[in-house]
C-alpha atoms as a PDB file:
ATOM      1  CA  UNK A   1      -9.126 -76.779 -19.197  1.00  0.00           C
ATOM      2  CA  UNK A   2      -8.259 -74.967 -22.418  1.00  0.00           C
ATOM      3  CA  UNK A   3     -10.310 -74.911 -25.620  1.00  0.00           C
ATOM      4  CA  UNK A   4      -7.766 -77.169 -27.324  1.00  0.00           C
ATOM      5  CA  UNK A   5      -8.191 -79.802 -24.593  1.00  0.00           C
ATOM      6  CA  UNK A   6     -11.991 -79.608 -24.977  1.00  0.00           C
ATOM      7  CA  UNK A   7     -11.736 -80.131 -28.757  1.00  0.00           C
ATOM      8  CA  UNK A   8      -9.425 -83.125 -28.299  1.00  0.00           C
ATOM      9  CA  UNK A   9     -11.884 -84.649 -25.841  1.00  0.00           C
ATOM     10  CA  UNK A  10     -14.762 -84.197 -28.318  1.00  0.00           C
ATOM     11  CA  UNK A  11     -12.774 -85.851 -31.101  1.00  0.00           C
ATOM     12  CA  UNK A  12     -12.281 -88.883 -28.886  1.00  0.00           C
ATOM     13  CA  UNK A  13     -16.034 -89.291 -28.189  1.00  0.00           C
ATOM     14  CA  UNK A  14     -17.107 -92.995 -28.425  1.00  0.00           C
ATOM     15  CA  UNK A  15     -19.149 -94.243 -31.344  1.00  0.00           C
ATOM     16  CA  UNK A  16     -22.817 -94.396 -30.282  1.00  0.00           C
ATOM     17  CA  UNK A  17     -24.292 -97.912 -30.019  1.00  0.00           C
ATOM     18  CA  UNK A  18     -27.868 -98.342 -31.318  1.00  0.00           C
ATOM     19  CA  UNK A  19     -30.397 -99.965 -28.987  1.00  0.00           C
ATOM     20  CA  UNK A  20     -30.648-103.753 -29.103  1.00  0.00           C
ATOM     21  CA  UNK A  21     -33.193-105.074 -31.607  1.00  0.00           C
ATOM     22  CA  UNK A  22     -33.456-101.721 -33.353  1.00  0.00           C
ATOM     23  CA  UNK A  23     -32.625-103.239 -36.727  1.00  0.00           C
ATOM     24  CA  UNK A  24     -35.205-106.052 -36.441  1.00  0.00           C
ATOM     25  CA  UNK A  25     -37.933-103.586 -35.434  1.00  0.00           C
ATOM     26  CA  UNK A  26     -37.130-101.289 -38.286  1.00  0.00           C
ATOM     27  CA  UNK A  27     -37.057-104.157 -40.767  1.00  0.00           C
ATOM     28  CA  UNK A  28     -40.351-105.474 -39.443  1.00  0.00           C
ATOM     29  CA  UNK A  29     -41.971-102.101 -39.956  1.00  0.00           C
ATOM     30  CA  UNK A  30     -41.002-101.984 -43.605  1.00  0.00           C
ATOM     31  CA  UNK A  31     -43.939-102.796 -45.905  1.00  0.00           C
ATOM     32  CA  UNK A  32     -42.687-104.292 -49.078  1.00  0.00           C
ATOM     33  CA  UNK A  33     -44.635-103.570 -52.247  1.00  0.00           C
ATOM     34  CA  UNK A  34     -46.312-106.363 -54.096  1.00  0.00           C
ATOM     35  CA  UNK A  35     -44.257-108.346 -56.483  1.00  0.00           C
ATOM     36  CA  UNK A  36     -44.021-106.671 -59.819  1.00  0.00           C
ATOM     37  CA  UNK A  37     -43.195-108.081 -63.110  1.00  0.00           C
ATOM     38  CA  UNK A  38     -39.822-109.605 -63.576  1.00  0.00           C
ATOM     39  CA  UNK A  39     -38.524-106.858 -65.781  1.00  0.00           C
ATOM     40  CA  UNK A  40     -38.904-104.125 -63.155  1.00  0.00           C
ATOM     41  CA  UNK A  41     -37.488-106.030 -60.140  1.00  0.00           C
ATOM     42  CA  UNK A  42     -33.815-105.726 -60.946  1.00  0.00           C
ATOM     43  CA  UNK A  43     -33.884-102.048 -61.832  1.00  0.00           C
ATOM     44  CA  UNK A  44     -35.804-100.683 -58.841  1.00  0.00           C
ATOM     45  CA  UNK A  45     -34.681-103.015 -56.015  1.00  0.00           C
ATOM     46  CA  UNK A  46     -32.257-100.400 -54.641  1.00  0.00           C
ATOM     47  CA  UNK A  47     -35.000 -97.755 -54.410  1.00  0.00           C
ATOM     48  CA  UNK A  48     -37.253-100.132 -52.533  1.00  0.00           C
ATOM     49  CA  UNK A  49     -34.643-100.514 -49.746  1.00  0.00           C
ATOM     50  CA  UNK A  50     -33.580 -96.835 -49.586  1.00  0.00           C
ATOM     51  CA  UNK A  51     -36.288 -95.673 -47.107  1.00  0.00           C
ATOM     52  CA  UNK A  52     -35.258 -98.296 -44.591  1.00  0.00           C
ATOM     53  CA  UNK A  53     -31.594 -97.477 -44.764  1.00  0.00           C
ATOM     54  CA  UNK A  54     -32.357 -93.741 -44.528  1.00  0.00           C
ATOM     55  CA  UNK A  55     -34.379 -94.267 -41.376  1.00  0.00           C
ATOM     56  CA  UNK A  56     -31.598 -96.262 -39.746  1.00  0.00           C
ATOM     57  CA  UNK A  57     -29.044 -93.627 -40.732  1.00  0.00           C
ATOM     58  CA  UNK A  58     -31.137 -90.735 -39.374  1.00  0.00           C
ATOM     59  CA  UNK A  59     -31.727 -92.500 -36.059  1.00  0.00           C
ATOM     60  CA  UNK A  60     -28.014 -93.225 -35.708  1.00  0.00           C
ATOM     61  CA  UNK A  61     -27.064 -89.644 -36.454  1.00  0.00           C
ATOM     62  CA  UNK A  62     -29.564 -88.319 -33.923  1.00  0.00           C
ATOM     63  CA  UNK A  63     -28.279 -90.722 -31.295  1.00  0.00           C
ATOM     64  CA  UNK A  64     -24.651 -89.732 -31.936  1.00  0.00           C
ATOM     65  CA  UNK A  65     -25.476 -86.030 -31.825  1.00  0.00           C
ATOM     66  CA  UNK A  66     -27.411 -86.442 -28.587  1.00  0.00           C
ATOM     67  CA  UNK A  67     -24.557 -88.364 -26.963  1.00  0.00           C
ATOM     68  CA  UNK A  68     -21.940 -85.844 -28.112  1.00  0.00           C
ATOM     69  CA  UNK A  69     -24.130 -82.997 -26.882  1.00  0.00           C
ATOM     70  CA  UNK A  70     -24.377 -84.637 -23.467  1.00  0.00           C
ATOM     71  CA  UNK A  71     -20.610 -85.155 -23.333  1.00  0.00           C
ATOM     72  CA  UNK A  72     -20.010 -81.564 -24.430  1.00  0.00           C
ATOM     73  CA  UNK A  73     -22.308 -80.287 -21.679  1.00  0.00           C
ATOM     74  CA  UNK A  74     -20.489 -82.429 -19.135  1.00  0.00           C
ATOM     75  CA  UNK A  75     -17.100 -81.156 -20.320  1.00  0.00           C
ATOM     76  CA  UNK A  76     -18.296 -77.562 -20.073  1.00  0.00           C
ATOM     77  CA  UNK A  77     -19.477 -78.145 -16.525  1.00  0.00           C
ATOM     78  CA  UNK A  78     -16.126 -79.689 -15.624  1.00  0.00           C
ATOM     79  CA  UNK A  79     -14.282 -76.752 -17.196  1.00  0.00           C
ATOM     80  CA  UNK A  80     -16.386 -74.234 -15.277  1.00  0.00           C
ATOM     81  CA  UNK A  81     -15.791 -76.186 -12.069  1.00  0.00           C
ATOM     82  CA  UNK A  82     -12.029 -76.246 -12.637  1.00  0.00           C
ATOM     83  CA  UNK A  83     -11.931 -72.535 -13.394  1.00  0.00           C
ATOM     84  CA  UNK A  84     -13.876 -71.694 -10.258  1.00  0.00           C
ATOM     85  CA  UNK A  85     -11.576 -73.918  -8.210  1.00  0.00           C
ATOM     86  CA  UNK A  86      -8.395 -72.207  -9.461  1.00  0.00           C
ATOM     87  CA  UNK A  87      -6.982 -69.680  -6.988  1.00  0.00           C
ATOM     88  CA  UNK A  88      -7.610 -66.122  -8.054  1.00  0.00           C
ATOM     89  CA  UNK A  89      -4.556 -63.894  -8.451  1.00  0.00           C
ATOM     90  CA  UNK A  90      -4.038 -61.662  -5.469  1.00  0.00           C
ATOM     91  CA  UNK A  91      -4.252 -57.986  -6.165  1.00  0.00           C
ATOM     92  CA  UNK A  92      -1.096 -56.658  -4.533  1.00  0.00           C
ATOM     93  CA  UNK A  93      -1.671 -52.969  -5.359  1.00  0.00           C
ATOM     94  CA  UNK A  94      -2.900 -52.204  -1.842  1.00  0.00           C
ATOM     95  CA  UNK A  95       0.017 -54.079  -0.283  1.00  0.00           C
ATOM     96  CA  UNK A  96       2.499 -52.210  -2.470  1.00  0.00           C
ATOM     97  CA  UNK A  97       0.910 -48.880  -1.532  1.00  0.00           C
ATOM     98  CA  UNK A  98       1.101 -49.734   2.164  1.00  0.00           C
ATOM     99  CA  UNK A  99       4.744 -50.775   1.819  1.00  0.00           C
ATOM    100  CA  UNK A 100       5.590 -47.546   0.001  1.00  0.00           C
ATOM    101  CA  UNK A 101       3.893 -45.525   2.740  1.00  0.00           C
ATOM    102  CA  UNK A 102       5.801 -47.444   5.415  1.00  0.00           C
ATOM    103  CA  UNK A 103       9.072 -46.889   3.549  1.00  0.00           C
ATOM    104  CA  UNK A 104       8.391 -43.159   3.227  1.00  0.00           C
ATOM    105  CA  UNK A 105       7.583 -42.951   6.948  1.00  0.00           C
ATOM    106  CA  UNK A 106      10.802 -44.785   7.833  1.00  0.00           C
ATOM    107  CA  UNK A 107      12.847 -42.502   5.588  1.00  0.00           C
ATOM    108  CA  UNK A 108      11.266 -39.453   7.205  1.00  0.00           C
ATOM    109  CA  UNK A 109      11.980 -40.816  10.677  1.00  0.00           C
ATOM    110  CA  UNK A 110      15.574 -41.515   9.653  1.00  0.00           C
ATOM    111  CA  UNK A 111      15.990 -37.943   8.392  1.00  0.00           C
ATOM    112  CA  UNK A 112      14.486 -36.523  11.582  1.00  0.00           C
ATOM    113  CA  UNK A 113      16.738 -38.764  13.664  1.00  0.00           C
ATOM    114  CA  UNK A 114      19.831 -37.518  11.845  1.00  0.00           C
ATOM    115  CA  UNK A 115      18.678 -33.931  12.379  1.00  0.00           C
ATOM    116  CA  UNK A 116      18.137 -34.598  16.081  1.00  0.00           C
ATOM    117  CA  UNK A 117      21.589 -36.151  16.350  1.00  0.00           C
ATOM    118  CA  UNK A 118      23.063 -33.043  14.752  1.00  0.00           C
ATOM    119  CA  UNK A 119      21.154 -30.764  17.121  1.00  0.00           C
ATOM    120  CA  UNK A 120      22.226 -32.833  20.116  1.00  0.00           C
ATOM    121  CA  UNK A 121      25.846 -32.578  18.983  1.00  0.00           C
ATOM    122  CA  UNK A 122      25.517 -28.794  18.807  1.00  0.00           C
ATOM    123  CA  UNK A 123      23.884 -28.669  22.229  1.00  0.00           C
ATOM    124  CA  UNK A 124      26.591 -30.907  23.679  1.00  0.00           C
ATOM    125  CA  UNK A 125      29.185 -28.574  22.179  1.00  0.00           C
ATOM    126  CA  UNK A 126      27.582 -25.685  24.079  1.00  0.00           C
ATOM    127  CA  UNK A 127      27.812 -27.466  27.428  1.00  0.00           C
ATOM    128  CA  UNK A 128      31.560 -26.787  27.905  1.00  0.00           C
ATOM    129  CA  UNK A 129      30.943 -23.141  26.999  1.00  0.00           C
ATOM    130  CA  UNK A 130      28.222 -22.893  29.632  1.00  0.00           C
ATOM    131  CA  UNK A 131      30.603 -24.408  32.142  1.00  0.00           C
ATOM    132  CA  UNK A 132      33.241 -21.876  31.078  1.00  0.00           C
ATOM    133  CA  UNK A 133      30.758 -19.045  31.593  1.00  0.00           C
ATOM    134  CA  UNK A 134      29.910 -20.400  35.022  1.00  0.00           C
ATOM    135  CA  UNK A 135      33.609 -20.530  35.892  1.00  0.00           C
ATOM    136  CA  UNK A 136      34.125 -16.963  34.686  1.00  0.00           C
ATOM    137  CA  UNK A 137      31.126 -15.803  36.665  1.00  0.00           C
ATOM    138  CA  UNK A 138      32.465 -17.466  39.780  1.00  0.00           C
ATOM    139  CA  UNK A 139      35.881 -15.859  39.277  1.00  0.00           C
ATOM    140  CA  UNK A 140      34.270 -12.461  38.807  1.00  0.00           C
ATOM    141  CA  UNK A 141      32.365 -12.901  42.043  1.00  0.00           C
ATOM    142  CA  UNK A 142      35.571 -13.737  43.809  1.00  0.00           C
ATOM    143  CA  UNK A 143      37.294 -10.682  42.315  1.00  0.00           C
ATOM    144  CA  UNK A 144      34.374  -8.511  43.356  1.00  0.00           C
ATOM    145  CA  UNK A 145      34.484  -9.916  46.877  1.00  0.00           C
ATOM    146  CA  UNK A 146      38.205  -9.199  47.020  1.00  0.00           C
ATOM    147  CA  UNK A 147      37.606  -5.620  45.881  1.00  0.00           C
ATOM    148  CA  UNK A 148      34.920  -5.123  48.499  1.00  0.00           C
ATOM    149  CA  UNK A 149      37.304  -6.325  51.149  1.00  0.00           C
ATOM    150  CA  UNK A 150      40.162  -4.139  49.900  1.00  0.00           C
ATOM    151  CA  UNK A 151      38.281  -0.909  49.232  1.00  0.00           C
ATOM    152  CA  UNK A 152      35.130   0.755  50.502  1.00  0.00           C
ATOM    153  CA  UNK A 153      32.079   0.477  48.251  1.00  0.00           C
ATOM    154  CA  UNK A 154      31.959   4.233  47.755  1.00  0.00           C
ATOM    155  CA  UNK A 155      35.562   4.511  46.647  1.00  0.00           C
ATOM    156  CA  UNK A 156      36.346   5.321  42.973  1.00  0.00           C
ATOM    157  CA  UNK A 157      38.384   2.149  42.642  1.00  0.00           C
ATOM    158  CA  UNK A 158      35.484  -0.011  43.740  1.00  0.00           C
ATOM    159  CA  UNK A 159      33.002   1.715  41.458  1.00  0.00           C
ATOM    160  CA  UNK A 160      35.333   1.394  38.457  1.00  0.00           C
ATOM    161  CA  UNK A 161      36.027  -2.278  39.152  1.00  0.00           C
ATOM    162  CA  UNK A 162      32.344  -2.982  39.669  1.00  0.00           C
ATOM    163  CA  UNK A 163      31.400  -1.262  36.404  1.00  0.00           C
ATOM    164  CA  UNK A 164      34.059  -3.209  34.518  1.00  0.00           C
ATOM    165  CA  UNK A 165      32.915  -6.525  35.994  1.00  0.00           C
ATOM    166  CA  UNK A 166      29.284  -5.701  35.284  1.00  0.00           C
ATOM    167  CA  UNK A 167      30.048  -4.781  31.662  1.00  0.00           C
ATOM    168  CA  UNK A 168      32.032  -7.987  31.202  1.00  0.00           C
ATOM    169  CA  UNK A 169      29.165 -10.060  32.580  1.00  0.00           C
ATOM    170  CA  UNK A 170      26.711  -8.378  30.217  1.00  0.00           C
ATOM    171  CA  UNK A 171      29.016  -8.954  27.248  1.00  0.00           C
ATOM    172  CA  UNK A 172      29.271 -12.659  28.114  1.00  0.00           C
ATOM    173  CA  UNK A 173      25.477 -12.875  28.464  1.00  0.00           C
ATOM    174  CA  UNK A 174      25.135 -11.194  25.056  1.00  0.00           C
ATOM    175  CA  UNK A 175      27.465 -13.781  23.505  1.00  0.00           C
ATOM    176  CA  UNK A 176      25.354 -16.551  25.000  1.00  0.00           C
ATOM    177  CA  UNK A 177      22.177 -14.970  23.573  1.00  0.00           C
ATOM    178  CA  UNK A 178      23.676 -14.846  20.078  1.00  0.00           C
ATOM    179  CA  UNK A 179      24.706 -18.501  20.321  1.00  0.00           C
ATOM    180  CA  UNK A 180      21.106 -19.386  21.135  1.00  0.00           C
ATOM    181  CA  UNK A 181      19.958 -17.334  18.136  1.00  0.00           C
ATOM    182  CA  UNK A 182      22.398 -19.141  15.837  1.00  0.00           C
ATOM    183  CA  UNK A 183      21.340 -22.556  17.116  1.00  0.00           C
ATOM    184  CA  UNK A 184      17.640 -21.696  16.724  1.00  0.00           C
ATOM    185  CA  UNK A 185      18.192 -20.520  13.130  1.00  0.00           C
ATOM    186  CA  UNK A 186      19.998 -23.753  12.214  1.00  0.00           C
ATOM    187  CA  UNK A 187      17.261 -25.881  13.809  1.00  0.00           C
ATOM    188  CA  UNK A 188      14.666 -23.874  11.854  1.00  0.00           C
ATOM    189  CA  UNK A 189      16.553 -24.545   8.611  1.00  0.00           C
ATOM    190  CA  UNK A 190      16.835 -28.264   9.403  1.00  0.00           C
ATOM    191  CA  UNK A 191      13.108 -28.566  10.086  1.00  0.00           C
ATOM    192  CA  UNK A 192      12.170 -26.931   6.778  1.00  0.00           C
ATOM    193  CA  UNK A 193      12.430 -28.569   3.368  1.00  0.00           C
ATOM    194  CA  UNK A 194      14.368 -25.697   1.764  1.00  0.00           C
ATOM    195  CA  UNK A 195      17.021 -25.666   4.564  1.00  0.00           C
ATOM    196  CA  UNK A 196      16.825 -21.873   4.721  1.00  0.00           C
ATOM    197  CA  UNK A 197      17.047 -19.537   7.694  1.00  0.00           C
ATOM    198  CA  UNK A 198      13.876 -17.647   8.698  1.00  0.00           C
ATOM    199  CA  UNK A 199      13.117 -14.156   7.456  1.00  0.00           C
ATOM    200  CA  UNK A 200      12.744 -12.641  10.937  1.00  0.00           C
ATOM    201  CA  UNK A 201      13.432 -13.439  14.578  1.00  0.00           C
ATOM    202  CA  UNK A 202       9.688 -13.753  15.127  1.00  0.00           C
ATOM    203  CA  UNK A 203       9.575 -16.748  12.776  1.00  0.00           C
ATOM    204  CA  UNK A 204      11.650 -18.729  15.304  1.00  0.00           C
ATOM    205  CA  UNK A 205       9.265 -18.606  18.261  1.00  0.00           C
ATOM    206  CA  UNK A 206       9.116 -22.412  18.294  1.00  0.00           C
ATOM    207  CA  UNK A 207      12.914 -22.740  18.281  1.00  0.00           C
ATOM    208  CA  UNK A 208      13.658 -19.939  20.780  1.00  0.00           C
ATOM    209  CA  UNK A 209      12.740 -20.755  24.349  1.00  0.00           C
ATOM    210  CA  UNK A 210      11.980 -17.143  25.273  1.00  0.00           C
ATOM    211  CA  UNK A 211      12.110 -13.679  23.651  1.00  0.00           C
ATOM    212  CA  UNK A 212      14.530 -12.626  26.386  1.00  0.00           C
ATOM    213  CA  UNK A 213      17.428 -14.129  24.378  1.00  0.00           C
ATOM    214  CA  UNK A 214      16.744 -11.453  21.752  1.00  0.00           C
ATOM    215  CA  UNK A 215      17.468  -8.689  24.255  1.00  0.00           C
ATOM    216  CA  UNK A 216      21.012  -7.610  25.037  1.00  0.00           C
ATOM    217  CA  UNK A 217      21.452  -7.184  28.812  1.00  0.00           C
ATOM    218  CA  UNK A 218      23.099  -3.815  28.110  1.00  0.00           C
ATOM    219  CA  UNK A 219      19.954  -2.516  26.346  1.00  0.00           C
ATOM    220  CA  UNK A 220      17.848  -0.780  29.030  1.00  0.00           C
ATOM    221  CA  UNK A 221      15.105   0.170  26.555  1.00  0.00           C
ATOM    222  CA  UNK A 222      14.122  -3.482  26.113  1.00  0.00           C
ATOM    223  CA  UNK A 223      14.965  -5.029  29.470  1.00  0.00           C
ATOM    224  CA  UNK A 224      11.250  -5.282  30.273  1.00  0.00           C
ATOM    225  CA  UNK A 225      10.572  -7.770  27.464  1.00  0.00           C
ATOM    226  CA  UNK A 226       9.322 -11.052  28.935  1.00  0.00           C
ATOM    227  CA  UNK A 227       6.668 -12.216  26.427  1.00  0.00           C
ATOM    228  CA  UNK A 228       6.345 -12.395  22.655  1.00  0.00           C
ATOM    229  CA  UNK A 229       3.620  -9.746  22.760  1.00  0.00           C
ATOM    230  CA  UNK A 230       6.049  -7.343  24.416  1.00  0.00           C
ATOM    231  CA  UNK A 231       8.700  -8.292  21.877  1.00  0.00           C
ATOM    232  CA  UNK A 232       6.370  -7.429  18.983  1.00  0.00           C
ATOM    233  CA  UNK A 233       5.931  -3.978  20.485  1.00  0.00           C
ATOM    234  CA  UNK A 234       9.602  -3.250  21.265  1.00  0.00           C
ATOM    235  CA  UNK A 235      11.602  -5.476  18.903  1.00  0.00           C
ATOM    236  CA  UNK A 236      15.044  -7.027  19.374  1.00  0.00           C
ATOM    237  CA  UNK A 237      18.355  -5.541  20.431  1.00  0.00           C
ATOM    238  CA  UNK A 238      20.072  -7.498  17.655  1.00  0.00           C
ATOM    239  CA  UNK A 239      20.186  -6.955  13.895  1.00  0.00           C
ATOM    240  CA  UNK A 240      19.122  -9.946  11.770  1.00  0.00           C
ATOM    241  CA  UNK A 241      21.468  -9.748   8.755  1.00  0.00           C
ATOM    242  CA  UNK A 242      21.019 -13.047   6.890  1.00  0.00           C
ATOM    243  CA  UNK A 243      17.267 -13.627   6.366  1.00  0.00           C
ATOM    244  CA  UNK A 244      16.583 -16.609   4.122  1.00  0.00           C
ATOM    245  CA  UNK A 245      20.272 -17.567   4.152  1.00  0.00           C
ATOM    246  CA  UNK A 246      21.805 -20.969   4.830  1.00  0.00           C
ATOM    247  CA  UNK A 247      24.787 -22.746   6.339  1.00  0.00           C
ATOM    248  CA  UNK A 248      26.366 -23.096   2.896  1.00  0.00           C
ATOM    249  CA  UNK A 249      27.970 -19.664   3.506  1.00  0.00           C
ATOM    250  CA  UNK A 250      29.231 -20.083   7.070  1.00  0.00           C
ATOM    251  CA  UNK A 251      31.195 -16.807   7.228  1.00  0.00           C
ATOM    252  CA  UNK A 252      28.156 -14.641   6.514  1.00  0.00           C
ATOM    253  CA  UNK A 253      27.002 -12.708   9.586  1.00  0.00           C
ATOM    254  CA  UNK A 254      23.632 -13.958  10.822  1.00  0.00           C
ATOM    255  CA  UNK A 255      23.010 -11.515  13.693  1.00  0.00           C
ATOM    256  CA  UNK A 256      24.861  -8.577  15.274  1.00  0.00           C
ATOM    257  CA  UNK A 257      24.740  -6.768  18.583  1.00  0.00           C
ATOM    258  CA  UNK A 258      25.437  -3.067  17.869  1.00  0.00           C
ATOM    259  CA  UNK A 259      26.087  -2.420  21.568  1.00  0.00           C
ATOM    260  CA  UNK A 260      28.910  -4.900  22.190  1.00  0.00           C
ATOM    261  CA  UNK A 261      29.921  -5.474  18.545  1.00  0.00           C
ATOM    262  CA  UNK A 262      29.314  -9.216  18.977  1.00  0.00           C
ATOM    263  CA  UNK A 263      28.312 -11.157  15.855  1.00  0.00           C
ATOM    264  CA  UNK A 264      26.795 -14.605  15.266  1.00  0.00           C
ATOM    265  CA  UNK A 265      27.916 -16.255  12.029  1.00  0.00           C
ATOM    266  CA  UNK A 266      25.804 -18.571   9.879  1.00  0.00           C
ATOM    267  CA  UNK A 267      27.758 -21.621  11.073  1.00  0.00           C
ATOM    268  CA  UNK A 268      26.572 -20.992  14.658  1.00  0.00           C
ATOM    269  CA  UNK A 269      29.797 -19.515  16.014  1.00  0.00           C
ATOM    270  CA  UNK A 270      29.986 -16.143  17.797  1.00  0.00           C
ATOM    271  CA  UNK A 271      32.826 -13.642  17.657  1.00  0.00           C
ATOM    272  CA  UNK A 272      33.551 -10.557  19.758  1.00  0.00           C
ATOM    273  CA  UNK A 273      34.875  -7.884  17.427  1.00  0.00           C
ATOM    274  CA  UNK A 274      37.354  -5.214  18.468  1.00  0.00           C
ATOM    275  CA  UNK A 275      37.812  -1.744  17.082  1.00  0.00           C
ATOM    276  CA  UNK A 276      39.793  -2.997  14.061  1.00  0.00           C
ATOM    277  CA  UNK A 277      37.118  -5.446  12.945  1.00  0.00           C
ATOM    278  CA  UNK A 278      33.711  -4.418  11.749  1.00  0.00           C
ATOM    279  CA  UNK A 279      30.757  -5.767   9.786  1.00  0.00           C
ATOM    280  CA  UNK A 280      30.493  -4.635   6.151  1.00  0.00           C
ATOM    281  CA  UNK A 281      28.231  -5.548   3.256  1.00  0.00           C
ATOM    282  CA  UNK A 282      29.919  -7.300   0.351  1.00  0.00           C
ATOM    283  CA  UNK A 283      28.247  -8.875  -2.701  1.00  0.00           C
ATOM    284  CA  UNK A 284      24.854  -8.543  -1.055  1.00  0.00           C
ATOM    285  CA  UNK A 285      25.798 -10.246   2.245  1.00  0.00           C
ATOM    286  CA  UNK A 286      27.259  -9.060   5.557  1.00  0.00           C
ATOM    287  CA  UNK A 287      30.755 -10.239   6.468  1.00  0.00           C
ATOM    288  CA  UNK A 288      33.520  -9.345   8.922  1.00  0.00           C
ATOM    289  CA  UNK A 289      36.140  -6.995   7.534  1.00  0.00           C
ATOM    290  CA  UNK A 290      39.622  -6.648   8.999  1.00  0.00           C
ATOM    291  CA  UNK A 291      40.916  -3.086   8.810  1.00  0.00           C
ATOM    292  CA  UNK A 292      44.481  -2.801   7.546  1.00  0.00           C
ATOM    293  CA  UNK A 293      46.980  -1.034   9.758  1.00  0.00           C
END
């Protein structure tokens, strides 16, 4: 109940009723003075009755004030009761904070899901290449078996064919290693807020399954590397040429094998360069240059 409603209720308070017989008792208690001479009766008659009327007026005022005070107290109690009975506003700050946290978690999960979908697409794209490598390996085995059947193992023809097949197998394995390096670098960039490639190969230990993919099969000085501790001592066969780079420059060379002249680009692709194509530095980055004839 508002203050205005309380004031309206007080203005409508009933007129107090004096107790029954109050007037007769008050009149009976009045002691009239003895009769005075005729000349003073008319002038002072009003003053003789004034004390009685004053008493009645004071009693009435006190009664009215007491009744209004009681009604005011009752109205205050009713107002306090109504205010306590009103439902308190719910503080939704905690609920809003929880909802914002849930929304942030969902957005993060959505981002991670999109990144996983992208990684799965890249992995699925590698599956046909793995199958192609398996087919090539099988064909090479068949060619080697045919050579063994056609020529003795100690013949020059056999040794030359075996060396060529072995070199081709190592080159294919090197290409596969560089594809794993490119995929690991892109996963590293996706998992980090700045979307940048790592500064070194060693920063990708979580993304690379084994340090053996950092060793070219044609590099005998590092063929013993099996653990990351051994890698720290011997290093990689490959050159890391785009530290802190990103996929926004896909034609920049990410890694290079100086033995086979294979290169992994920042978009994840791998190219086998011939004698007319080489890696050069241009505008602070490494790119493939085509030599003019």
